[in-house]
Amino acid sequence: MSLRHALLGLIAELDGASGYDLMKVFEISLGTVWQATQSQLYGELGKLTDGGLIEVSAEGPRGRKEYAITAAGRAELHHWMVETDPKPNRRDEVMMRVFFLDQIAPDEALGYLDRMIEGLSNRVDDLARLEEIVPWEEEGGLTGNGRLTMEYGKRFMAMRRDWFVWAREQYRERRPETSSGASGAGGAGGGAGAGEADTG
């Protein structure tokens, strides 16, 4: 999957959506499976427009632009959906760091595992809160399919959190010299590393 095809799909579903509209829907419906910044999204909209895959269908105040997919864009989206196979993403920096935990002090390793647990727990909670405020459709449509991807995100993040809780206990059993002062499984570890918990 690429941001290019994600935007083509959203514009096909939401004819006349602006860049702001697309960013918000992207965060709700696709944010659990694909991450993109605002600058990346707007940059890709420019490329799609220049390539003739989408067009500006209307312009409003303060530079607001609304987009529509073109015939060439629909052909590209169909080709991607039907004629190509997904490429598995095998990069996971979070797990690579787990592999090398013995290269840092035991308490530092436990702190890393704690941050992952905390970050993933927060992500699961955030998705649960978001699910409650989104006006989901009863069936079909963008938000119906978006709910499927959000449920995937919730289950995936919960699985990773539970795995890190288990991995922490395994590490402590293997490295009994760790201090008792380290926070327990599921405890807050703090630090900037918590944001890495929803990687991969």
C-alpha atoms as a PDB file:
ATOM      1  CA  MET A   1       0.000   0.000   0.000  1.00  0.00           C
ATOM      2  CA  SER A   2       1.100   3.560  -0.636  1.00  0.00           C
ATOM      3  CA  LEU A   3      -0.251   6.943   0.366  1.00  0.00           C
ATOM      4  CA  ARG A   4      -0.964   7.448  -3.318  1.00  0.00           C
ATOM      5  CA  HIS A   5      -3.504   4.642  -3.421  1.00  0.00           C
ATOM      6  CA  ALA A   6      -4.941   5.452  -0.021  1.00  0.00           C
ATOM      7  CA  LEU A   7      -5.798   8.950  -1.230  1.00  0.00           C
ATOM      8  CA  LEU A   8      -7.180   7.698  -4.523  1.00  0.00           C
ATOM      9  CA  GLY A   9      -9.486   5.382  -2.589  1.00  0.00           C
ATOM     10  CA  LEU A  10     -10.634   8.101  -0.201  1.00  0.00           C
ATOM     11  CA  ILE A  11     -11.302  10.593  -2.995  1.00  0.00           C
ATOM     12  CA  ALA A  12     -13.248   7.926  -4.902  1.00  0.00           C
ATOM     13  CA  GLU A  13     -15.379   7.401  -1.781  1.00  0.00           C
ATOM     14  CA  LEU A  14     -15.639  11.075  -0.822  1.00  0.00           C
ATOM     15  CA  ASP A  15     -16.108  13.006  -4.048  1.00  0.00           C
ATOM     16  CA  GLY A  16     -15.563  16.698  -3.400  1.00  0.00           C
ATOM     17  CA  ALA A  17     -13.521  16.288  -0.222  1.00  0.00           C
ATOM     18  CA  SER A  18     -10.891  18.878   0.624  1.00  0.00           C
ATOM     19  CA  GLY A  19      -7.390  18.165   1.842  1.00  0.00           C
ATOM     20  CA  TYR A  20      -8.556  18.917   5.389  1.00  0.00           C
ATOM     21  CA  ASP A  21     -11.503  16.534   5.011  1.00  0.00           C
ATOM     22  CA  LEU A  22      -9.231  13.804   3.677  1.00  0.00           C
ATOM     23  CA  MET A  23      -6.763  14.230   6.546  1.00  0.00           C
ATOM     24  CA  LYS A  24      -9.494  13.836   9.162  1.00  0.00           C
ATOM     25  CA  VAL A  25     -11.057  10.793   7.497  1.00  0.00           C
ATOM     26  CA  PHE A  26      -7.597   9.315   6.982  1.00  0.00           C
ATOM     27  CA  GLU A  27      -6.846   9.575  10.699  1.00  0.00           C
ATOM     28  CA  ILE A  28     -10.122   7.901  11.638  1.00  0.00           C
ATOM     29  CA  SER A  29     -10.414   5.187   9.016  1.00  0.00           C
ATOM     30  CA  LEU A  30      -6.856   4.402   7.959  1.00  0.00           C
ATOM     31  CA  GLY A  31      -4.710   5.707  10.794  1.00  0.00           C
ATOM     32  CA  THR A  32      -4.505   2.273  12.391  1.00  0.00           C
ATOM     33  CA  VAL A  33      -2.956   0.713   9.294  1.00  0.00           C
ATOM     34  CA  TRP A  34      -1.069   3.563   7.636  1.00  0.00           C
ATOM     35  CA  GLN A  35       0.569   6.675   9.061  1.00  0.00           C
ATOM     36  CA  ALA A  36       0.897   9.948   7.157  1.00  0.00           C
ATOM     37  CA  THR A  37       1.633  13.543   8.110  1.00  0.00           C
ATOM     38  CA  GLN A  38      -0.281  16.530   6.839  1.00  0.00           C
ATOM     39  CA  SER A  39       2.664  17.650   4.693  1.00  0.00           C
ATOM     40  CA  GLN A  40       2.942  14.183   3.143  1.00  0.00           C
ATOM     41  CA  LEU A  41      -0.778  14.113   2.375  1.00  0.00           C
ATOM     42  CA  TYR A  42      -0.834  17.532   0.721  1.00  0.00           C
ATOM     43  CA  GLY A  43       2.339  16.757  -1.183  1.00  0.00           C
ATOM     44  CA  GLU A  44       0.789  13.579  -2.566  1.00  0.00           C
ATOM     45  CA  LEU A  45      -2.381  15.444  -3.556  1.00  0.00           C
ATOM     46  CA  GLY A  46      -0.208  17.727  -5.664  1.00  0.00           C
ATOM     47  CA  LYS A  47       1.485  14.766  -7.342  1.00  0.00           C
ATOM     48  CA  LEU A  48      -1.838  13.061  -8.055  1.00  0.00           C
ATOM     49  CA  THR A  49      -3.195  16.269  -9.575  1.00  0.00           C
ATOM     50  CA  ASP A  50      -0.100  16.783 -11.734  1.00  0.00           C
ATOM     51  CA  GLY A  51      -0.341  13.148 -12.852  1.00  0.00           C
ATOM     52  CA  GLY A  52      -3.951  13.533 -13.951  1.00  0.00           C
ATOM     53  CA  LEU A  53      -5.263  10.953 -11.455  1.00  0.00           C
ATOM     54  CA  ILE A  54      -7.344  13.512  -9.549  1.00  0.00           C
ATOM     55  CA  GLU A  55      -8.551  16.999 -10.351  1.00  0.00           C
ATOM     56  CA  VAL A  56      -9.596  20.072  -8.418  1.00  0.00           C
ATOM     57  CA  SER A  57     -13.382  20.091  -8.737  1.00  0.00           C
ATOM     58  CA  ALA A  58     -13.995  23.298  -6.806  1.00  0.00           C
ATOM     59  CA  GLU A  59     -12.123  26.070  -5.013  1.00  0.00           C
ATOM     60  CA  GLY A  60     -13.354  27.935  -1.982  1.00  0.00           C
ATOM     61  CA  PRO A  61     -12.247  30.642   0.436  1.00  0.00           C
ATOM     62  CA  ARG A  62      -8.750  30.652   1.972  1.00  0.00           C
ATOM     63  CA  GLY A  63      -7.380  28.419  -0.740  1.00  0.00           C
ATOM     64  CA  ARG A  64      -9.687  25.474  -0.002  1.00  0.00           C
ATOM     65  CA  LYS A  65      -9.635  22.940  -2.822  1.00  0.00           C
ATOM     66  CA  GLU A  66     -12.036  20.072  -3.359  1.00  0.00           C
ATOM     67  CA  TYR A  67     -10.887  17.002  -5.240  1.00  0.00           C
ATOM     68  CA  ALA A  68     -12.475  14.440  -7.548  1.00  0.00           C
ATOM     69  CA  ILE A  69     -10.968  11.288  -9.002  1.00  0.00           C
ATOM     70  CA  THR A  70     -10.507  11.136 -12.775  1.00  0.00           C
ATOM     71  CA  ALA A  71     -11.036   8.172 -15.100  1.00  0.00           C
ATOM     72  CA  ALA A  72      -7.285   7.587 -15.080  1.00  0.00           C
ATOM     73  CA  GLY A  73      -7.339   7.652 -11.293  1.00  0.00           C
ATOM     74  CA  ARG A  74     -10.118   5.078 -11.150  1.00  0.00           C
ATOM     75  CA  ALA A  75      -8.192   2.852 -13.537  1.00  0.00           C
ATOM     76  CA  GLU A  76      -5.092   3.092 -11.345  1.00  0.00           C
ATOM     77  CA  LEU A  77      -7.095   2.345  -8.193  1.00  0.00           C
ATOM     78  CA  HIS A  78      -8.743  -0.667  -9.845  1.00  0.00           C
ATOM     79  CA  HIS A  79      -5.366  -1.936 -11.068  1.00  0.00           C
ATOM     80  CA  TRP A  80      -3.926  -1.666  -7.561  1.00  0.00           C
ATOM     81  CA  MET A  81      -6.919  -3.352  -5.909  1.00  0.00           C
ATOM     82  CA  VAL A  82      -7.381  -6.201  -8.384  1.00  0.00           C
ATOM     83  CA  GLU A  83      -4.162  -6.816 -10.277  1.00  0.00           C
ATOM     84  CA  THR A  84      -1.440  -6.409  -7.648  1.00  0.00           C
ATOM     85  CA  ASP A  85      -0.709  -8.281  -4.418  1.00  0.00           C
ATOM     86  CA  PRO A  86       0.039  -6.524  -1.129  1.00  0.00           C
ATOM     87  CA  LYS A  87       3.712  -6.299  -0.205  1.00  0.00           C
ATOM     88  CA  PRO A  88       4.333  -7.497   3.353  1.00  0.00           C
ATOM     89  CA  ASN A  89       5.962  -4.951   5.618  1.00  0.00           C
ATOM     90  CA  ARG A  90       8.805  -6.742   7.358  1.00  0.00           C
ATOM     91  CA  ARG A  91      10.440  -3.751   9.043  1.00  0.00           C
ATOM     92  CA  ASP A  92       9.830  -3.422  12.757  1.00  0.00           C
ATOM     93  CA  GLU A  93      12.296  -1.240  14.648  1.00  0.00           C
ATOM     94  CA  VAL A  94      10.516  -1.906  17.931  1.00  0.00           C
ATOM     95  CA  MET A  95      11.147  -5.649  17.699  1.00  0.00           C
ATOM     96  CA  MET A  96      14.686  -5.146  16.432  1.00  0.00           C
ATOM     97  CA  ARG A  97      15.453  -3.294  19.658  1.00  0.00           C
ATOM     98  CA  VAL A  98      14.007  -6.192  21.642  1.00  0.00           C
ATOM     99  CA  PHE A  99      16.431  -8.490  19.847  1.00  0.00           C
ATOM    100  CA  PHE A 100      19.359  -6.388  21.105  1.00  0.00           C
ATOM    101  CA  LEU A 101      18.196  -5.809  24.701  1.00  0.00           C
ATOM    102  CA  ASP A 102      21.244  -7.604  26.092  1.00  0.00           C
ATOM    103  CA  GLN A 103      23.392  -4.785  24.721  1.00  0.00           C
ATOM    104  CA  ILE A 104      22.058  -2.360  27.367  1.00  0.00           C
ATOM    105  CA  ALA A 105      21.771  -2.540  31.143  1.00  0.00           C
ATOM    106  CA  PRO A 106      18.948  -4.725  32.516  1.00  0.00           C
ATOM    107  CA  ASP A 107      17.130  -1.790  34.107  1.00  0.00           C
ATOM    108  CA  GLU A 108      17.354   0.120  30.817  1.00  0.00           C
ATOM    109  CA  ALA A 109      15.893  -2.890  29.009  1.00  0.00           C
ATOM    110  CA  LEU A 110      13.012  -3.100  31.465  1.00  0.00           C
ATOM    111  CA  GLY A 111      12.417   0.612  31.049  1.00  0.00           C
ATOM    112  CA  TYR A 112      12.168   0.129  27.297  1.00  0.00           C
ATOM    113  CA  LEU A 113       9.687  -2.722  27.673  1.00  0.00           C
ATOM    114  CA  ASP A 114       7.650  -0.662  30.139  1.00  0.00           C
ATOM    115  CA  ARG A 115       7.463   2.247  27.694  1.00  0.00           C
ATOM    116  CA  MET A 116       6.233  -0.050  24.967  1.00  0.00           C
ATOM    117  CA  ILE A 117       3.534  -1.432  27.268  1.00  0.00           C
ATOM    118  CA  GLU A 118       2.453   2.041  28.302  1.00  0.00           C
ATOM    119  CA  GLY A 119       2.413   3.408  24.768  1.00  0.00           C
ATOM    120  CA  LEU A 120       0.404   0.495  23.400  1.00  0.00           C
ATOM    121  CA  SER A 121      -2.064   0.666  26.290  1.00  0.00           C
ATOM    122  CA  ASN A 122      -2.596   4.369  25.582  1.00  0.00           C
ATOM    123  CA  ARG A 123      -3.084   3.641  21.883  1.00  0.00           C
ATOM    124  CA  VAL A 124      -5.740   0.998  22.607  1.00  0.00           C
ATOM    125  CA  ASP A 125      -7.537   3.467  24.898  1.00  0.00           C
ATOM    126  CA  ASP A 126      -7.351   6.231  22.276  1.00  0.00           C
ATOM    127  CA  LEU A 127      -8.903   3.986  19.630  1.00  0.00           C
ATOM    128  CA  ALA A 128     -11.686   2.951  21.998  1.00  0.00           C
ATOM    129  CA  ARG A 129     -12.525   6.596  22.715  1.00  0.00           C
ATOM    130  CA  LEU A 130     -12.430   7.479  19.027  1.00  0.00           C
ATOM    131  CA  GLU A 131     -14.730   4.590  18.176  1.00  0.00           C
ATOM    132  CA  GLU A 132     -17.345   5.971  20.575  1.00  0.00           C
ATOM    133  CA  ILE A 133     -17.517   9.421  18.965  1.00  0.00           C
ATOM    134  CA  VAL A 134     -17.455   8.444  15.274  1.00  0.00           C
ATOM    135  CA  PRO A 135     -20.980   8.342  13.740  1.00  0.00           C
ATOM    136  CA  TRP A 136     -20.637   4.885  12.233  1.00  0.00           C
ATOM    137  CA  GLU A 137     -23.000   3.797   9.497  1.00  0.00           C
ATOM    138  CA  GLU A 138     -25.064   0.717  10.080  1.00  0.00           C
ATOM    139  CA  GLU A 139     -23.608  -1.086   7.080  1.00  0.00           C
ATOM    140  CA  GLY A 140     -21.413  -0.517   4.062  1.00  0.00           C
ATOM    141  CA  GLY A 141     -19.849   2.742   3.025  1.00  0.00           C
ATOM    142  CA  LEU A 142     -16.558   4.273   4.048  1.00  0.00           C
ATOM    143  CA  THR A 143     -17.193   4.406   7.764  1.00  0.00           C
ATOM    144  CA  GLY A 144     -18.458   0.826   7.782  1.00  0.00           C
ATOM    145  CA  ASN A 145     -15.206  -0.386   6.278  1.00  0.00           C
ATOM    146  CA  GLY A 146     -13.302   2.085   8.415  1.00  0.00           C
ATOM    147  CA  ARG A 147     -14.744   0.397  11.465  1.00  0.00           C
ATOM    148  CA  LEU A 148     -13.310  -2.904  10.272  1.00  0.00           C
ATOM    149  CA  THR A 149      -9.833  -1.393  10.042  1.00  0.00           C
ATOM    150  CA  MET A 150     -10.216   0.309  13.415  1.00  0.00           C
ATOM    151  CA  GLU A 151     -11.165  -3.012  15.018  1.00  0.00           C
ATOM    152  CA  TYR A 152      -8.061  -4.522  13.442  1.00  0.00           C
ATOM    153  CA  GLY A 153      -6.005  -1.719  14.942  1.00  0.00           C
ATOM    154  CA  LYS A 154      -7.497  -2.254  18.406  1.00  0.00           C
ATOM    155  CA  ARG A 155      -6.895  -5.990  18.346  1.00  0.00           C
ATOM    156  CA  PHE A 156      -3.399  -5.637  16.901  1.00  0.00           C
ATOM    157  CA  MET A 157      -2.316  -3.041  19.465  1.00  0.00           C
ATOM    158  CA  ALA A 158      -3.813  -5.096  22.298  1.00  0.00           C
ATOM    159  CA  MET A 159      -1.984  -8.194  21.078  1.00  0.00           C
ATOM    160  CA  ARG A 160       1.335  -6.336  20.988  1.00  0.00           C
ATOM    161  CA  ARG A 161       0.736  -4.889  24.450  1.00  0.00           C
ATOM    162  CA  ASP A 162      -0.001  -8.337  25.871  1.00  0.00           C
ATOM    163  CA  TRP A 163       3.079  -9.740  24.162  1.00  0.00           C
ATOM    164  CA  PHE A 164       5.283  -7.056  25.734  1.00  0.00           C
ATOM    165  CA  VAL A 165       3.832  -7.809  29.172  1.00  0.00           C
ATOM    166  CA  TRP A 166       4.738 -11.471  28.625  1.00  0.00           C
ATOM    167  CA  ALA A 167       8.164 -10.594  27.198  1.00  0.00           C
ATOM    168  CA  ARG A 168       8.927  -8.433  30.223  1.00  0.00           C
ATOM    169  CA  GLU A 169       8.262 -11.315  32.589  1.00  0.00           C
ATOM    170  CA  GLN A 170      10.378 -13.611  30.449  1.00  0.00           C
ATOM    171  CA  TYR A 171      13.226 -11.105  30.504  1.00  0.00           C
ATOM    172  CA  ARG A 172      13.094 -10.707  34.280  1.00  0.00           C
ATOM    173  CA  GLU A 173      13.176 -14.463  34.784  1.00  0.00           C
ATOM    174  CA  ARG A 174      16.190 -14.721  32.496  1.00  0.00           C
ATOM    175  CA  ARG A 175      17.940 -11.730  34.044  1.00  0.00           C
ATOM    176  CA  PRO A 176      17.310 -12.048  37.799  1.00  0.00           C
ATOM    177  CA  GLU A 177      19.917  -9.362  38.519  1.00  0.00           C
ATOM    178  CA  THR A 178      17.429  -6.655  37.484  1.00  0.00           C
ATOM    179  CA  SER A 179      16.616  -4.309  40.342  1.00  0.00           C
ATOM    180  CA  SER A 180      13.297  -4.505  42.130  1.00  0.00           C
ATOM    181  CA  GLY A 181      12.884  -0.776  41.641  1.00  0.00           C
ATOM    182  CA  ALA A 182      11.914  -1.103  37.983  1.00  0.00           C
ATOM    183  CA  SER A 183       8.230  -0.538  37.336  1.00  0.00           C
ATOM    184  CA  GLY A 184       6.041  -3.622  37.039  1.00  0.00           C
ATOM    185  CA  ALA A 185       4.475  -5.049  33.906  1.00  0.00           C
ATOM    186  CA  GLY A 186       2.074  -2.571  32.466  1.00  0.00           C
ATOM    187  CA  GLY A 187       3.484   0.223  34.617  1.00  0.00           C
ATOM    188  CA  ALA A 188       4.425   3.630  33.277  1.00  0.00           C
ATOM    189  CA  GLY A 189       7.984   3.859  32.117  1.00  0.00           C
ATOM    190  CA  GLY A 190       7.736   7.397  30.763  1.00  0.00           C
ATOM    191  CA  GLY A 191      10.144   8.854  28.256  1.00  0.00           C
ATOM    192  CA  ALA A 192      10.043   9.593  24.568  1.00  0.00           C
ATOM    193  CA  GLY A 193      10.161   5.924  23.599  1.00  0.00           C
ATOM    194  CA  ALA A 194       6.468   5.438  24.403  1.00  0.00           C
ATOM    195  CA  GLY A 195       5.566   6.830  21.013  1.00  0.00           C
ATOM    196  CA  GLU A 196       7.290   3.913  19.319  1.00  0.00           C
ATOM    197  CA  ALA A 197       4.766   1.477  20.708  1.00  0.00           C
ATOM    198  CA  ASP A 198       2.445   1.798  17.732  1.00  0.00           C
ATOM    199  CA  THR A 199       5.205   1.184  15.198  1.00  0.00           C
ATOM    200  CA  GLY A 200       4.536  -1.777  12.904  1.00  0.00           C
END
